[in-house]
Amino acid sequence: MKVSIITAVFNRKNTISRCVESVLAQSYPNIEYIIVDGGSNDGTLDALASFKNGIDVFVSEKDNGIYDALNKGVTLASGDVIGFLHSDDFFAHCNVIDNIVSGFSDAVGVDLVYGDLTFFRPNDIDKVTRRYRSNFFRPWMMRFALQPAHPTVYVNRSFFQQVGMFNQQYRISADFDWLLRAFCIHRCKYKYIPQEMVRMQQGGASTAGIKALVQHNQEDLSILKSHGIVSGWILIVAKLVFKSIQVRI
């Protein structure tokens, strides 16, 4: 089984090496690594140059944001399974892809698998701020804008094509829209893997403060409405209660 991993990056010279190293350290042998750069000018390209032998597909050009870049990566991917690793993040250990492939192999007809992630503070990868465990997730919870940890989601290629690309009208929540289509519209067959897969740096588009939180929730409500799913601010805010009880260190 060939696994395509896609990283979208723009001006991340301080974190991109850590991300790439975690991909190249994976024990699973059949990985296609795709990097889509948005035309970085801060030294990111210099950092990536040292990894050129480990990158299978590389594109550097202006884009219309992260979801445009991810869509480009999906178009370029040739793997049986497709997943994403953001440029600020990294795999938690070297057996992540091995375990993902096992998740697809252990059950017939699985469309996607996912696991857990850990948030850490910028510039301090050992300072864990929240553990995002996806074992709780059920599709009906998407009405509350709850979802599995999206950076851990890996998808069967044919099912990704069935669901379609990321909707670029959403600047923060296009991943939520995609997962909503996957779980609630296309009724995917899924498998949860009970392990930490990704370590995610706080401060990205969806975790950058109050303004980002408000925009994130507004987009979530718009997405739910567009798919005919009844929700509201009370239900959306309820997810904050869930987040508050997740394990923190």
Protein backbone atom coordinates (compact mmCIF):
# COMPACT_ATOMS: atom_id res chain seq x y z
CA MET A 1 0.00 0.00 0.00
CA LYS A 2 1.44 3.34 -1.08
CA VAL A 3 0.85 6.29 1.25
CA SER A 4 0.97 9.87 -0.03
CA ILE A 5 1.78 12.47 2.62
CA ILE A 6 1.18 16.10 1.66
CA THR A 7 2.72 19.12 3.39
CA ALA A 8 1.62 22.64 2.46
CA VAL A 9 4.12 25.28 3.54
CA PHE A 10 4.61 29.03 3.31
CA ASN A 11 7.40 30.88 5.13
CA ARG A 12 8.05 28.30 7.84
CA LYS A 13 11.85 28.16 7.89
CA ASN A 14 11.91 27.53 11.65
CA THR A 15 9.62 24.48 11.63
CA ILE A 16 9.73 22.84 8.21
CA SER A 17 12.89 20.81 8.87
CA ARG A 18 11.36 19.24 11.96
CA CYS A 19 8.27 18.32 9.95
CA VAL A 20 10.19 16.79 7.03
CA GLU A 21 12.56 14.87 9.32
CA SER A 22 9.60 13.19 11.02
CA VAL A 23 8.32 11.99 7.62
CA LEU A 24 11.71 10.69 6.50
CA ALA A 25 12.10 8.88 9.84
CA GLN A 26 8.99 6.75 9.27
CA SER A 27 9.63 3.03 9.29
CA TYR A 28 7.06 2.31 6.60
CA PRO A 29 8.89 1.92 3.26
CA ASN A 30 6.31 2.92 0.63
CA ILE A 31 5.74 6.64 1.20
CA GLU A 32 5.30 9.31 -1.46
CA TYR A 33 6.14 12.68 0.09
CA ILE A 34 4.68 15.77 -1.59
CA ILE A 35 5.51 19.34 -0.56
CA VAL A 36 3.53 22.26 -1.95
CA ASP A 37 5.19 25.59 -1.18
CA GLY A 38 3.32 28.85 -1.62
CA GLY A 39 6.31 30.82 -2.85
CA SER A 40 8.24 31.19 0.41
CA ASN A 41 10.84 33.95 0.66
CA ASP A 42 12.07 33.59 4.24
CA GLY A 43 14.62 30.79 3.87
CA THR A 44 12.13 27.91 3.80
CA LEU A 45 13.34 26.83 0.36
CA ASP A 46 16.94 26.76 1.59
CA ALA A 47 15.88 24.55 4.49
CA LEU A 48 14.07 22.20 2.11
CA ALA A 49 17.03 21.96 -0.27
CA SER A 50 18.87 19.67 2.12
CA PHE A 51 16.00 17.16 1.94
CA LYS A 52 15.59 17.07 -1.84
CA ASN A 53 16.45 13.36 -2.06
CA GLY A 54 13.64 12.52 0.35
CA ILE A 55 10.94 14.61 -1.33
CA ASP A 56 9.19 12.86 -4.21
CA VAL A 57 7.16 15.79 -5.55
CA PHE A 58 7.95 19.46 -4.94
CA VAL A 59 6.01 22.49 -6.15
CA SER A 60 6.78 26.12 -5.30
CA GLU A 61 4.40 28.78 -6.61
CA LYS A 62 1.90 31.32 -5.34
CA ASP A 63 -1.40 29.88 -4.20
CA ASN A 64 -4.69 30.98 -2.68
CA GLY A 65 -4.06 29.67 0.80
CA ILE A 66 -3.53 26.37 2.56
CA TYR A 67 -6.57 24.58 1.13
CA ASP A 68 -5.61 25.51 -2.42
CA ALA A 69 -2.16 24.07 -1.68
CA LEU A 70 -3.60 20.89 -0.19
CA ASN A 71 -5.89 20.44 -3.19
CA LYS A 72 -2.85 20.75 -5.46
CA GLY A 73 -1.14 18.08 -3.41
CA VAL A 74 -4.11 15.72 -3.70
CA THR A 75 -4.12 16.19 -7.47
CA LEU A 76 -0.41 15.27 -7.58
CA ALA A 77 -0.73 12.28 -5.24
CA SER A 78 -0.52 8.74 -6.60
CA GLY A 79 -0.83 6.80 -3.35
CA ASP A 80 -3.53 4.34 -2.31
CA VAL A 81 -3.95 6.38 0.88
CA ILE A 82 -3.72 10.16 1.29
CA GLY A 83 -2.93 12.19 4.41
CA PHE A 84 -1.53 15.55 5.46
CA LEU A 85 1.18 16.78 7.79
CA HIS A 86 1.22 20.53 8.33
CA SER A 87 4.50 22.41 8.25
CA ASP A 88 4.41 23.39 11.94
CA ASP A 89 3.66 19.83 13.07
CA PHE A 90 5.47 16.51 13.15
CA PHE A 91 4.81 12.80 13.59
CA ALA A 92 4.87 11.65 17.20
CA HIS A 93 7.00 8.57 16.47
CA CYS A 94 8.49 6.59 13.59
CA ASN A 95 5.74 3.93 13.38
CA VAL A 96 2.79 6.22 12.67
CA ILE A 97 2.39 5.29 9.00
CA ASP A 98 2.97 1.60 9.73
CA ASN A 99 0.06 1.72 12.16
CA ILE A 100 -2.14 3.67 9.74
CA VAL A 101 -1.58 1.06 7.04
CA SER A 102 -2.41 -1.68 9.55
CA GLY A 103 -5.64 0.16 10.31
CA PHE A 104 -6.67 -0.09 6.67
CA SER A 105 -5.52 -3.70 6.38
CA ASP A 106 -7.21 -5.00 9.53
CA ALA A 107 -10.78 -4.31 8.38
CA VAL A 108 -12.40 -4.73 4.98
CA GLY A 109 -13.64 -1.63 3.22
CA VAL A 110 -12.27 1.02 5.58
CA ASP A 111 -12.49 4.47 3.98
CA LEU A 112 -10.47 6.41 6.53
CA VAL A 113 -8.56 6.04 9.77
CA TYR A 114 -7.63 8.55 12.45
CA GLY A 115 -6.03 8.75 15.89
CA ASP A 116 -4.95 11.22 18.56
CA LEU A 117 -2.77 14.31 18.61
CA THR A 118 -1.00 16.47 21.16
CA PHE A 119 -0.84 20.26 21.15
CA PHE A 120 2.40 21.92 22.19
CA ARG A 121 3.54 25.49 22.66
CA PRO A 122 5.61 27.19 19.95
CA ASN A 123 9.35 26.91 20.58
CA ASP A 124 8.81 24.32 23.31
CA ILE A 125 7.86 20.91 21.91
CA ASP A 126 7.99 19.37 25.38
CA LYS A 127 5.35 21.73 26.79
CA VAL A 128 2.06 19.90 26.15
CA THR A 129 -1.02 22.11 26.40
CA ARG A 130 -3.76 19.66 25.42
CA ARG A 131 -4.19 16.05 24.40
CA TYR A 132 -6.80 15.64 21.68
CA ARG A 133 -8.14 12.10 21.96
CA SER A 134 -10.48 11.10 19.14
CA ASN A 135 -11.92 7.98 20.80
CA PHE A 136 -15.02 9.97 21.81
CA PHE A 137 -16.03 10.82 18.26
CA ARG A 138 -19.29 9.74 16.67
CA PRO A 139 -20.62 11.30 13.43
CA TRP A 140 -23.71 12.77 15.11
CA MET A 141 -21.36 14.97 17.16
CA MET A 142 -20.53 17.04 14.11
CA ARG A 143 -23.71 19.00 14.85
CA PHE A 144 -21.68 20.39 17.76
CA ALA A 145 -18.77 21.06 15.35
CA LEU A 146 -16.85 18.23 17.01
CA GLN A 147 -14.65 16.11 14.79
CA PRO A 148 -11.78 13.65 15.03
CA ALA A 149 -8.31 15.19 15.11
CA HIS A 150 -8.12 16.17 11.44
CA PRO A 151 -4.28 16.16 11.13
CA THR A 152 -4.40 12.44 11.95
CA VAL A 153 -6.95 11.53 9.27
CA TYR A 154 -5.77 9.29 6.42
CA VAL A 155 -8.13 8.50 3.57
CA ASN A 156 -8.47 5.79 0.95
CA ARG A 157 -7.74 7.51 -2.37
CA SER A 158 -10.91 6.35 -4.12
CA PHE A 159 -13.03 7.59 -1.22
CA PHE A 160 -11.25 10.98 -1.25
CA GLN A 161 -12.19 11.29 -4.91
CA GLN A 162 -15.78 10.42 -4.04
CA VAL A 163 -16.01 13.12 -1.36
CA GLY A 164 -14.18 15.72 -3.45
CA MET A 165 -11.64 18.44 -2.77
CA PHE A 166 -11.47 20.99 0.06
CA ASN A 167 -13.91 23.89 -0.38
CA GLN A 168 -11.71 26.96 -0.64
CA GLN A 169 -14.45 29.40 0.30
CA TYR A 170 -13.65 28.47 3.91
CA ARG A 171 -10.38 29.93 5.20
CA ILE A 172 -10.17 27.97 8.48
CA SER A 173 -12.80 25.21 8.51
CA ALA A 174 -12.52 23.56 5.08
CA ASP A 175 -11.23 20.43 6.85
CA PHE A 176 -14.43 20.36 8.95
CA ASP A 177 -16.52 20.72 5.79
CA TRP A 178 -14.62 17.82 4.17
CA LEU A 179 -15.03 15.59 7.22
CA LEU A 180 -18.72 16.46 7.47
CA ARG A 181 -19.19 15.35 3.88
CA ALA A 182 -17.19 12.19 4.54
CA PHE A 183 -19.01 11.14 7.71
CA CYS A 184 -22.52 12.51 7.31
CA ILE A 185 -23.12 12.71 3.57
CA HIS A 186 -21.07 9.79 2.21
CA ARG A 187 -21.34 7.68 5.39
CA CYS A 188 -17.72 6.55 5.41
CA LYS A 189 -16.54 3.39 7.12
CA TYR A 190 -13.93 4.53 9.62
CA LYS A 191 -11.48 3.11 12.14
CA TYR A 192 -10.01 4.81 15.19
CA ILE A 193 -6.42 3.95 16.13
CA PRO A 194 -5.85 4.57 19.87
CA GLN A 195 -2.44 6.21 19.73
CA GLU A 196 -0.79 9.61 19.48
CA MET A 197 0.02 10.22 15.82
CA VAL A 198 0.81 13.91 15.47
CA ARG A 199 2.22 16.68 17.60
CA MET A 200 0.62 19.96 16.60
CA GLN A 201 1.96 23.43 17.32
CA GLN A 202 -0.52 25.89 18.74
CA GLY A 203 -0.91 29.19 16.93
CA GLY A 204 -2.03 27.94 13.51
CA ALA A 205 -5.01 29.30 11.60
CA SER A 206 -7.55 27.63 13.89
CA THR A 207 -5.74 28.15 17.21
CA ALA A 208 -4.40 31.69 16.85
CA GLY A 209 -6.61 33.48 19.38
CA ILE A 210 -10.11 34.81 19.98
CA LYS A 211 -10.55 36.33 16.52
CA ALA A 212 -9.62 33.05 14.86
CA LEU A 213 -11.90 31.14 17.24
CA VAL A 214 -14.89 33.33 16.34
CA GLN A 215 -14.21 33.00 12.61
CA HIS A 216 -13.72 29.26 13.01
CA ASN A 217 -17.08 28.87 14.72
CA GLN A 218 -18.85 31.12 12.21
CA GLU A 219 -17.51 29.01 9.37
CA ASP A 220 -18.55 25.81 11.17
CA LEU A 221 -22.12 27.11 11.50
CA SER A 222 -22.18 28.12 7.84
CA ILE A 223 -20.95 24.67 6.83
CA LEU A 224 -23.56 22.88 8.92
CA LYS A 225 -26.31 25.05 7.48
CA SER A 226 -25.10 24.49 3.91
CA HIS A 227 -25.50 20.74 4.41
CA GLY A 228 -28.94 21.04 5.99
CA ILE A 229 -27.79 20.11 9.50
CA VAL A 230 -29.54 21.98 12.31
CA SER A 231 -27.17 23.58 14.79
CA GLY A 232 -26.67 26.92 16.53
CA TRP A 233 -24.34 28.94 18.70
CA ILE A 234 -25.43 27.13 21.87
CA LEU A 235 -24.42 23.76 20.40
CA ILE A 236 -21.20 25.15 18.96
CA VAL A 237 -20.18 26.73 22.26
CA ALA A 238 -20.91 23.42 23.99
CA LYS A 239 -17.85 21.94 22.27
CA LEU A 240 -15.69 24.32 24.30
CA VAL A 241 -16.86 22.50 27.42
CA PHE A 242 -15.66 19.24 25.92
CA LYS A 243 -12.29 20.76 25.05
CA SER A 244 -11.92 22.10 28.58
CA ILE A 245 -12.11 18.63 30.07
CA GLN A 246 -9.52 17.10 27.76
CA VAL A 247 -6.36 16.18 29.62
CA ARG A 248 -3.99 19.10 30.06
CA ILE A 249 -0.44 19.15 31.42
